[in-house]
């Protein structure tokens, strides 16, 4: 028996066809206000308003079920899409999506990686803007180097925990620290053309650090999220490379070193 037939029979149950003049309880109440007929409903009378009511109820239930099913499917698709973008469950902090719910991962990001990143950016910028001589510049440059080393170590650990998604960040971190190490070593051991090597190495380390930051977080930052992905790479390079070239052509130590012409 179909669902429509069951609902129709249930709606028409009080109106079972009886001999004329016999009520539901067996009492006479006069002729029924409709003519009884034998159709697919068997012994039931065709009652137009009751039948329409039953059909209306059936349609409402069907629409409700279809709407619920559609909403469930949409929710599943959105969840799958979110998982496809992040690879796993996410944690939202201040509008920033962190692609993990692991407590160690979150503690490492907020307790170590972010503070080290902010310190490296601020100290590196101050060191670059300081007068190039022993004292403030060299002291801040040393602090920047060790902050960058710690930042690279935390980034390496985070990348190993999510290697498939973050391996490119490990590569950028490796290149950034390698450039800083070359620039610092050239200064300490006075390599040939050490001034230029120092400027290029430290400058490139700072640029690559910013590239790694924007590649990882640019899609969630105001204004940056509206830019195409390749701009996260291009903008830091387009701004930083000309500054490094300018410093290489006119080294800041040239006026202060009378023997600088020997290194040209």
C-alpha atoms as a PDB file:
ATOM      1  CA  UNK A   1       0.000   0.000   0.000  1.00  0.00           C
ATOM      2  CA  UNK A   2       1.424   3.367  -0.995  1.00  0.00           C
ATOM      3  CA  UNK A   3       1.961   6.212   1.465  1.00  0.00           C
ATOM      4  CA  UNK A   4      -0.649   8.340  -0.309  1.00  0.00           C
ATOM      5  CA  UNK A   5      -3.252   5.613   0.012  1.00  0.00           C
ATOM      6  CA  UNK A   6      -2.476   5.089   3.713  1.00  0.00           C
ATOM      7  CA  UNK A   7      -2.820   8.804   4.499  1.00  0.00           C
ATOM      8  CA  UNK A   8      -6.041   9.008   2.477  1.00  0.00           C
ATOM      9  CA  UNK A   9      -7.568   6.048   4.293  1.00  0.00           C
ATOM     10  CA  UNK A  10      -6.587   7.543   7.638  1.00  0.00           C
ATOM     11  CA  UNK A  11      -8.178  10.899   6.741  1.00  0.00           C
ATOM     12  CA  UNK A  12     -11.401   9.240   5.523  1.00  0.00           C
ATOM     13  CA  UNK A  13     -11.727   6.720   8.387  1.00  0.00           C
ATOM     14  CA  UNK A  14     -14.588   8.583  10.172  1.00  0.00           C
ATOM     15  CA  UNK A  15     -16.537   8.764   6.887  1.00  0.00           C
ATOM     16  CA  UNK A  16     -16.873   5.057   6.051  1.00  0.00           C
ATOM     17  CA  UNK A  17     -19.847   4.601   3.690  1.00  0.00           C
ATOM     18  CA  UNK A  18     -22.976   3.313   5.408  1.00  0.00           C
ATOM     19  CA  UNK A  19     -26.597   2.832   4.387  1.00  0.00           C
ATOM     20  CA  UNK A  20     -28.478   6.037   3.970  1.00  0.00           C
ATOM     21  CA  UNK A  21     -29.764   7.468   7.233  1.00  0.00           C
ATOM     22  CA  UNK A  22     -27.372   5.550   9.513  1.00  0.00           C
ATOM     23  CA  UNK A  23     -24.835   7.563  11.486  1.00  0.00           C
ATOM     24  CA  UNK A  24     -21.394   6.543  12.665  1.00  0.00           C
ATOM     25  CA  UNK A  25     -22.749   5.365  16.021  1.00  0.00           C
ATOM     26  CA  UNK A  26     -25.738   3.643  14.386  1.00  0.00           C
ATOM     27  CA  UNK A  27     -28.151   6.493  14.950  1.00  0.00           C
ATOM     28  CA  UNK A  28     -30.234   7.999  12.207  1.00  0.00           C
ATOM     29  CA  UNK A  29     -29.305  11.554  11.231  1.00  0.00           C
ATOM     30  CA  UNK A  30     -30.617  11.842   7.696  1.00  0.00           C
ATOM     31  CA  UNK A  31     -29.025  11.338   4.324  1.00  0.00           C
ATOM     32  CA  UNK A  32     -25.321  11.995   3.951  1.00  0.00           C
ATOM     33  CA  UNK A  33     -24.372  15.258   2.191  1.00  0.00           C
ATOM     34  CA  UNK A  34     -22.527  13.395  -0.549  1.00  0.00           C
ATOM     35  CA  UNK A  35     -23.006  10.342  -2.667  1.00  0.00           C
ATOM     36  CA  UNK A  36     -21.067   7.201  -1.730  1.00  0.00           C
ATOM     37  CA  UNK A  37     -19.114   5.592  -4.528  1.00  0.00           C
ATOM     38  CA  UNK A  38     -16.880   2.559  -4.854  1.00  0.00           C
ATOM     39  CA  UNK A  39     -13.476   3.444  -6.268  1.00  0.00           C
ATOM     40  CA  UNK A  40      -9.855   2.538  -5.503  1.00  0.00           C
ATOM     41  CA  UNK A  41     -10.430   3.536  -1.862  1.00  0.00           C
ATOM     42  CA  UNK A  42     -12.530   0.421  -1.412  1.00  0.00           C
ATOM     43  CA  UNK A  43     -15.286   0.972   1.125  1.00  0.00           C
ATOM     44  CA  UNK A  44     -14.471   4.634   1.652  1.00  0.00           C
ATOM     45  CA  UNK A  45     -16.553   7.483   0.339  1.00  0.00           C
ATOM     46  CA  UNK A  46     -14.987  10.121  -1.802  1.00  0.00           C
ATOM     47  CA  UNK A  47     -14.892  13.228   0.354  1.00  0.00           C
ATOM     48  CA  UNK A  48     -13.316  16.059  -1.661  1.00  0.00           C
ATOM     49  CA  UNK A  49     -12.343  18.368   1.185  1.00  0.00           C
ATOM     50  CA  UNK A  50     -10.918  15.539   3.333  1.00  0.00           C
ATOM     51  CA  UNK A  51      -8.993  14.150   0.382  1.00  0.00           C
ATOM     52  CA  UNK A  52      -7.555  17.557  -0.434  1.00  0.00           C
ATOM     53  CA  UNK A  53      -6.546  17.982   3.201  1.00  0.00           C
ATOM     54  CA  UNK A  54      -4.769  14.623   3.152  1.00  0.00           C
ATOM     55  CA  UNK A  55      -2.938  15.514  -0.058  1.00  0.00           C
ATOM     56  CA  UNK A  56      -1.952  18.881   1.396  1.00  0.00           C
ATOM     57  CA  UNK A  57      -0.510  17.207   4.520  1.00  0.00           C
ATOM     58  CA  UNK A  58       1.377  14.729   2.383  1.00  0.00           C
ATOM     59  CA  UNK A  59       2.848  17.530   0.249  1.00  0.00           C
ATOM     60  CA  UNK A  60       3.915  19.503   3.314  1.00  0.00           C
ATOM     61  CA  UNK A  61       5.644  16.477   4.814  1.00  0.00           C
ATOM     62  CA  UNK A  62       7.366  15.713   1.533  1.00  0.00           C
ATOM     63  CA  UNK A  63       8.604  19.309   1.146  1.00  0.00           C
ATOM     64  CA  UNK A  64       9.842  19.308   4.748  1.00  0.00           C
ATOM     65  CA  UNK A  65      11.753  16.080   4.250  1.00  0.00           C
ATOM     66  CA  UNK A  66      13.283  17.272   0.980  1.00  0.00           C
ATOM     67  CA  UNK A  67      14.289  20.601   2.546  1.00  0.00           C
ATOM     68  CA  UNK A  68      15.891  18.855   5.527  1.00  0.00           C
ATOM     69  CA  UNK A  69      17.729  16.459   3.252  1.00  0.00           C
ATOM     70  CA  UNK A  70      18.960  19.299   1.017  1.00  0.00           C
ATOM     71  CA  UNK A  71      20.157  21.323   4.020  1.00  0.00           C
ATOM     72  CA  UNK A  72      21.980  18.280   5.345  1.00  0.00           C
ATOM     73  CA  UNK A  73      23.675  17.698   2.006  1.00  0.00           C
ATOM     74  CA  UNK A  74      24.731  21.352   1.755  1.00  0.00           C
ATOM     75  CA  UNK A  75      26.157  21.247   5.276  1.00  0.00           C
ATOM     76  CA  UNK A  76      28.129  18.115   4.459  1.00  0.00           C
ATOM     77  CA  UNK A  77      29.448  19.683   1.239  1.00  0.00           C
ATOM     78  CA  UNK A  78      30.514  22.860   3.038  1.00  0.00           C
ATOM     79  CA  UNK A  79      32.225  20.833   5.733  1.00  0.00           C
ATOM     80  CA  UNK A  80      34.010  18.743   3.121  1.00  0.00           C
ATOM     81  CA  UNK A  81      35.052  21.906   1.301  1.00  0.00           C
ATOM     82  CA  UNK A  82      36.421  23.368   4.514  1.00  0.00           C
ATOM     83  CA  UNK A  83      38.318  20.184   5.234  1.00  0.00           C
ATOM     84  CA  UNK A  84      39.624  20.175   1.655  1.00  0.00           C
ATOM     85  CA  UNK A  85      41.026  23.683   2.116  1.00  0.00           C
ATOM     86  CA  UNK A  86      42.537  23.185   5.549  1.00  0.00           C
ATOM     87  CA  UNK A  87      43.202  19.473   5.495  1.00  0.00           C
ATOM     88  CA  UNK A  88      41.699  19.007   8.958  1.00  0.00           C
ATOM     89  CA  UNK A  89      39.681  20.681  11.680  1.00  0.00           C
ATOM     90  CA  UNK A  90      40.363  24.347  12.295  1.00  0.00           C
ATOM     91  CA  UNK A  91      40.548  26.778  15.205  1.00  0.00           C
ATOM     92  CA  UNK A  92      39.416  30.401  14.728  1.00  0.00           C
ATOM     93  CA  UNK A  93      41.291  33.006  16.793  1.00  0.00           C
ATOM     94  CA  UNK A  94      40.550  36.722  16.246  1.00  0.00           C
ATOM     95  CA  UNK A  95      39.186  35.912  12.788  1.00  0.00           C
ATOM     96  CA  UNK A  96      42.351  34.001  11.812  1.00  0.00           C
ATOM     97  CA  UNK A  97      41.905  30.367  10.857  1.00  0.00           C
ATOM     98  CA  UNK A  98      44.473  27.999  12.392  1.00  0.00           C
ATOM     99  CA  UNK A  99      44.354  24.665  10.500  1.00  0.00           C
ATOM    100  CA  UNK A 100      44.540  22.446  13.581  1.00  0.00           C
ATOM    101  CA  UNK A 101      42.881  21.713  16.917  1.00  0.00           C
ATOM    102  CA  UNK A 102      45.930  20.010  18.403  1.00  0.00           C
ATOM    103  CA  UNK A 103      46.822  21.686  21.721  1.00  0.00           C
ATOM    104  CA  UNK A 104      50.580  21.324  21.234  1.00  0.00           C
ATOM    105  CA  UNK A 105      50.356  22.777  17.730  1.00  0.00           C
ATOM    106  CA  UNK A 106      48.339  25.787  18.948  1.00  0.00           C
ATOM    107  CA  UNK A 107      50.618  26.327  21.970  1.00  0.00           C
ATOM    108  CA  UNK A 108      53.679  26.278  19.715  1.00  0.00           C
ATOM    109  CA  UNK A 109      52.125  28.821  17.356  1.00  0.00           C
ATOM    110  CA  UNK A 110      50.850  31.296  19.954  1.00  0.00           C
ATOM    111  CA  UNK A 111      53.512  30.784  22.598  1.00  0.00           C
ATOM    112  CA  UNK A 112      56.639  30.573  20.432  1.00  0.00           C
ATOM    113  CA  UNK A 113      56.246  31.067  16.692  1.00  0.00           C
ATOM    114  CA  UNK A 114      54.152  34.266  16.573  1.00  0.00           C
ATOM    115  CA  UNK A 115      56.166  36.127  19.288  1.00  0.00           C
ATOM    116  CA  UNK A 116      59.431  35.169  17.563  1.00  0.00           C
ATOM    117  CA  UNK A 117      58.072  36.284  14.190  1.00  0.00           C
ATOM    118  CA  UNK A 118      57.003  39.676  15.528  1.00  0.00           C
ATOM    119  CA  UNK A 119      60.334  40.139  17.294  1.00  0.00           C
ATOM    120  CA  UNK A 120      62.301  39.229  14.169  1.00  0.00           C
ATOM    121  CA  UNK A 121      60.339  41.653  11.984  1.00  0.00           C
ATOM    122  CA  UNK A 122      60.615  44.559  14.442  1.00  0.00           C
ATOM    123  CA  UNK A 123      64.264  44.049  15.444  1.00  0.00           C
ATOM    124  CA  UNK A 124      65.368  43.426  11.861  1.00  0.00           C
ATOM    125  CA  UNK A 125      63.706  46.645  10.676  1.00  0.00           C
ATOM    126  CA  UNK A 126      65.290  48.708  13.472  1.00  0.00           C
ATOM    127  CA  UNK A 127      68.715  47.203  12.762  1.00  0.00           C
ATOM    128  CA  UNK A 128      68.464  48.040   9.070  1.00  0.00           C
ATOM    129  CA  UNK A 129      67.470  51.640   9.830  1.00  0.00           C
ATOM    130  CA  UNK A 130      70.206  52.122  12.435  1.00  0.00           C
ATOM    131  CA  UNK A 131      73.528  53.742  11.590  1.00  0.00           C
ATOM    132  CA  UNK A 132      75.898  51.096  10.242  1.00  0.00           C
ATOM    133  CA  UNK A 133      78.641  50.905  12.869  1.00  0.00           C
ATOM    134  CA  UNK A 134      79.488  49.008  16.009  1.00  0.00           C
ATOM    135  CA  UNK A 135      76.999  49.501  18.760  1.00  0.00           C
ATOM    136  CA  UNK A 136      73.273  49.578  18.209  1.00  0.00           C
ATOM    137  CA  UNK A 137      73.321  48.163  14.683  1.00  0.00           C
ATOM    138  CA  UNK A 138      75.620  45.234  15.482  1.00  0.00           C
ATOM    139  CA  UNK A 139      73.804  44.452  18.736  1.00  0.00           C
ATOM    140  CA  UNK A 140      70.376  44.435  17.114  1.00  0.00           C
ATOM    141  CA  UNK A 141      71.730  42.471  14.166  1.00  0.00           C
ATOM    142  CA  UNK A 142      72.959  39.752  16.517  1.00  0.00           C
ATOM    143  CA  UNK A 143      69.578  39.625  18.294  1.00  0.00           C
ATOM    144  CA  UNK A 144      67.827  39.423  14.917  1.00  0.00           C
ATOM    145  CA  UNK A 145      70.021  36.495  13.882  1.00  0.00           C
ATOM    146  CA  UNK A 146      69.242  34.440  16.996  1.00  0.00           C
ATOM    147  CA  UNK A 147      65.534  35.290  16.864  1.00  0.00           C
ATOM    148  CA  UNK A 148      65.498  34.152  13.239  1.00  0.00           C
ATOM    149  CA  UNK A 149      67.251  30.921  14.213  1.00  0.00           C
ATOM    150  CA  UNK A 150      64.595  30.207  16.875  1.00  0.00           C
ATOM    151  CA  UNK A 151      61.848  31.164  14.404  1.00  0.00           C
ATOM    152  CA  UNK A 152      63.307  28.753  11.842  1.00  0.00           C
ATOM    153  CA  UNK A 153      63.400  25.966  14.457  1.00  0.00           C
ATOM    154  CA  UNK A 154      59.727  26.477  15.403  1.00  0.00           C
ATOM    155  CA  UNK A 155      58.716  26.710  11.735  1.00  0.00           C
ATOM    156  CA  UNK A 156      60.543  23.452  11.039  1.00  0.00           C
ATOM    157  CA  UNK A 157      58.655  21.686  13.830  1.00  0.00           C
ATOM    158  CA  UNK A 158      55.314  23.083  12.648  1.00  0.00           C
ATOM    159  CA  UNK A 159      56.072  22.054   9.065  1.00  0.00           C
ATOM    160  CA  UNK A 160      56.932  18.498  10.141  1.00  0.00           C
ATOM    161  CA  UNK A 161      53.576  18.238  11.935  1.00  0.00           C
ATOM    162  CA  UNK A 162      51.739  19.206   8.713  1.00  0.00           C
ATOM    163  CA  UNK A 163      54.336  18.434   6.047  1.00  0.00           C
ATOM    164  CA  UNK A 164      51.977  18.012   3.075  1.00  0.00           C
ATOM    165  CA  UNK A 165      50.565  21.528   3.580  1.00  0.00           C
ATOM    166  CA  UNK A 166      53.643  23.384   4.932  1.00  0.00           C
ATOM    167  CA  UNK A 167      56.699  21.949   3.209  1.00  0.00           C
ATOM    168  CA  UNK A 168      57.093  25.124   1.123  1.00  0.00           C
ATOM    169  CA  UNK A 169      57.250  27.158   4.347  1.00  0.00           C
ATOM    170  CA  UNK A 170      60.094  24.949   5.537  1.00  0.00           C
ATOM    171  CA  UNK A 171      61.943  25.635   2.271  1.00  0.00           C
ATOM    172  CA  UNK A 172      61.451  29.396   2.653  1.00  0.00           C
ATOM    173  CA  UNK A 173      62.552  29.266   6.285  1.00  0.00           C
ATOM    174  CA  UNK A 174      65.664  27.324   5.332  1.00  0.00           C
ATOM    175  CA  UNK A 175      66.583  29.838   2.633  1.00  0.00           C
ATOM    176  CA  UNK A 176      65.941  32.777   4.977  1.00  0.00           C
ATOM    177  CA  UNK A 177      68.164  31.423   7.741  1.00  0.00           C
ATOM    178  CA  UNK A 178      70.850  30.343   5.267  1.00  0.00           C
ATOM    179  CA  UNK A 179      71.053  33.898   3.889  1.00  0.00           C
ATOM    180  CA  UNK A 180      71.299  35.334   7.415  1.00  0.00           C
ATOM    181  CA  UNK A 181      74.035  32.842   8.322  1.00  0.00           C
ATOM    182  CA  UNK A 182      76.057  33.737   5.208  1.00  0.00           C
ATOM    183  CA  UNK A 183      75.678  37.468   5.883  1.00  0.00           C
ATOM    184  CA  UNK A 184      76.722  37.135   9.519  1.00  0.00           C
ATOM    185  CA  UNK A 185      79.627  34.807   8.761  1.00  0.00           C
ATOM    186  CA  UNK A 186      80.950  37.158   6.091  1.00  0.00           C
ATOM    187  CA  UNK A 187      80.972  39.949   8.671  1.00  0.00           C
ATOM    188  CA  UNK A 188      82.599  37.924  11.432  1.00  0.00           C
ATOM    189  CA  UNK A 189      85.338  36.394   9.244  1.00  0.00           C
ATOM    190  CA  UNK A 190      85.823  39.415   6.989  1.00  0.00           C
ATOM    191  CA  UNK A 191      85.411  37.583   3.719  1.00  0.00           C
ATOM    192  CA  UNK A 192      86.424  39.327   0.554  1.00  0.00           C
ATOM    193  CA  UNK A 193      83.695  41.867  -0.320  1.00  0.00           C
ATOM    194  CA  UNK A 194      82.226  41.108   3.090  1.00  0.00           C
ATOM    195  CA  UNK A 195      80.219  44.359   3.181  1.00  0.00           C
ATOM    196  CA  UNK A 196      78.255  43.468   0.077  1.00  0.00           C
ATOM    197  CA  UNK A 197      77.855  39.838   1.136  1.00  0.00           C
ATOM    198  CA  UNK A 198      76.642  40.968   4.567  1.00  0.00           C
ATOM    199  CA  UNK A 199      74.131  43.429   3.104  1.00  0.00           C
ATOM    200  CA  UNK A 200      72.801  40.946   0.553  1.00  0.00           C
ATOM    201  CA  UNK A 201      72.598  38.047   3.003  1.00  0.00           C
ATOM    202  CA  UNK A 202      70.814  39.871   5.816  1.00  0.00           C
ATOM    203  CA  UNK A 203      68.529  41.728   3.427  1.00  0.00           C
ATOM    204  CA  UNK A 204      67.475  38.566   1.593  1.00  0.00           C
ATOM    205  CA  UNK A 205      66.854  36.771   4.888  1.00  0.00           C
ATOM    206  CA  UNK A 206      64.439  39.525   5.916  1.00  0.00           C
ATOM    207  CA  UNK A 207      62.633  39.479   2.552  1.00  0.00           C
ATOM    208  CA  UNK A 208      62.251  35.679   2.526  1.00  0.00           C
ATOM    209  CA  UNK A 209      60.915  35.783   6.083  1.00  0.00           C
ATOM    210  CA  UNK A 210      58.195  38.221   4.954  1.00  0.00           C
ATOM    211  CA  UNK A 211      57.433  36.087   1.885  1.00  0.00           C
ATOM    212  CA  UNK A 212      56.894  33.045   4.132  1.00  0.00           C
ATOM    213  CA  UNK A 213      54.572  35.067   6.372  1.00  0.00           C
ATOM    214  CA  UNK A 214      52.430  36.411   3.524  1.00  0.00           C
ATOM    215  CA  UNK A 215      52.281  33.088   1.687  1.00  0.00           C
ATOM    216  CA  UNK A 216      50.995  31.424   4.848  1.00  0.00           C
ATOM    217  CA  UNK A 217      48.685  34.171   6.152  1.00  0.00           C
ATOM    218  CA  UNK A 218      48.002  36.596   3.292  1.00  0.00           C
ATOM    219  CA  UNK A 219      44.711  34.928   2.360  1.00  0.00           C
ATOM    220  CA  UNK A 220      43.298  35.895   5.779  1.00  0.00           C
ATOM    221  CA  UNK A 221      44.651  39.446   6.088  1.00  0.00           C
ATOM    222  CA  UNK A 222      42.629  42.576   5.218  1.00  0.00           C
ATOM    223  CA  UNK A 223      43.365  43.864   1.695  1.00  0.00           C
ATOM    224  CA  UNK A 224      45.884  41.067   1.088  1.00  0.00           C
ATOM    225  CA  UNK A 225      43.115  38.447   0.867  1.00  0.00           C
ATOM    226  CA  UNK A 226      41.754  40.213  -2.228  1.00  0.00           C
ATOM    227  CA  UNK A 227      45.071  39.856  -4.075  1.00  0.00           C
ATOM    228  CA  UNK A 228      46.022  36.869  -6.235  1.00  0.00           C
ATOM    229  CA  UNK A 229      48.310  34.344  -4.600  1.00  0.00           C
ATOM    230  CA  UNK A 230      51.411  35.197  -6.636  1.00  0.00           C
ATOM    231  CA  UNK A 231      51.328  38.734  -5.189  1.00  0.00           C
ATOM    232  CA  UNK A 232      52.262  37.305  -1.777  1.00  0.00           C
ATOM    233  CA  UNK A 233      55.596  36.397  -3.342  1.00  0.00           C
ATOM    234  CA  UNK A 234      55.966  39.362  -5.665  1.00  0.00           C
ATOM    235  CA  UNK A 235      55.313  42.335  -3.360  1.00  0.00           C
ATOM    236  CA  UNK A 236      58.029  41.633  -0.734  1.00  0.00           C
ATOM    237  CA  UNK A 237      60.521  40.851  -3.495  1.00  0.00           C
ATOM    238  CA  UNK A 238      59.543  43.909  -5.561  1.00  0.00           C
ATOM    239  CA  UNK A 239      60.005  46.204  -2.548  1.00  0.00           C
ATOM    240  CA  UNK A 240      63.045  44.570  -0.964  1.00  0.00           C
ATOM    241  CA  UNK A 241      65.255  43.737  -3.952  1.00  0.00           C
ATOM    242  CA  UNK A 242      65.594  47.373  -5.174  1.00  0.00           C
ATOM    243  CA  UNK A 243      66.572  48.446  -1.632  1.00  0.00           C
ATOM    244  CA  UNK A 244      69.261  45.758  -1.499  1.00  0.00           C
ATOM    245  CA  UNK A 245      70.564  46.760  -4.950  1.00  0.00           C
ATOM    246  CA  UNK A 246      70.722  50.387  -3.870  1.00  0.00           C
ATOM    247  CA  UNK A 247      72.683  49.437  -0.742  1.00  0.00           C
ATOM    248  CA  UNK A 248      75.057  47.332  -2.837  1.00  0.00           C
ATOM    249  CA  UNK A 249      75.697  50.186  -5.284  1.00  0.00           C
ATOM    250  CA  UNK A 250      76.156  52.746  -2.521  1.00  0.00           C
ATOM    251  CA  UNK A 251      77.241  50.759   0.558  1.00  0.00           C
ATOM    252  CA  UNK A 252      76.466  52.584   3.828  1.00  0.00           C
ATOM    253  CA  UNK A 253      79.989  51.909   5.146  1.00  0.00           C
ATOM    254  CA  UNK A 254      81.745  53.574   2.194  1.00  0.00           C
ATOM    255  CA  UNK A 255      82.038  57.076   3.732  1.00  0.00           C
ATOM    256  CA  UNK A 256      83.157  55.707   7.091  1.00  0.00           C
ATOM    257  CA  UNK A 257      85.959  53.462   5.745  1.00  0.00           C
ATOM    258  CA  UNK A 258      88.892  55.136   4.023  1.00  0.00           C
ATOM    259  CA  UNK A 259      90.064  51.761   2.688  1.00  0.00           C
ATOM    260  CA  UNK A 260      86.689  50.881   1.180  1.00  0.00           C
ATOM    261  CA  UNK A 261      88.021  51.428  -2.336  1.00  0.00           C
ATOM    262  CA  UNK A 262      90.171  48.331  -1.824  1.00  0.00           C
ATOM    263  CA  UNK A 263      87.050  46.205  -1.671  1.00  0.00           C
ATOM    264  CA  UNK A 264      85.482  47.555  -4.843  1.00  0.00           C
END
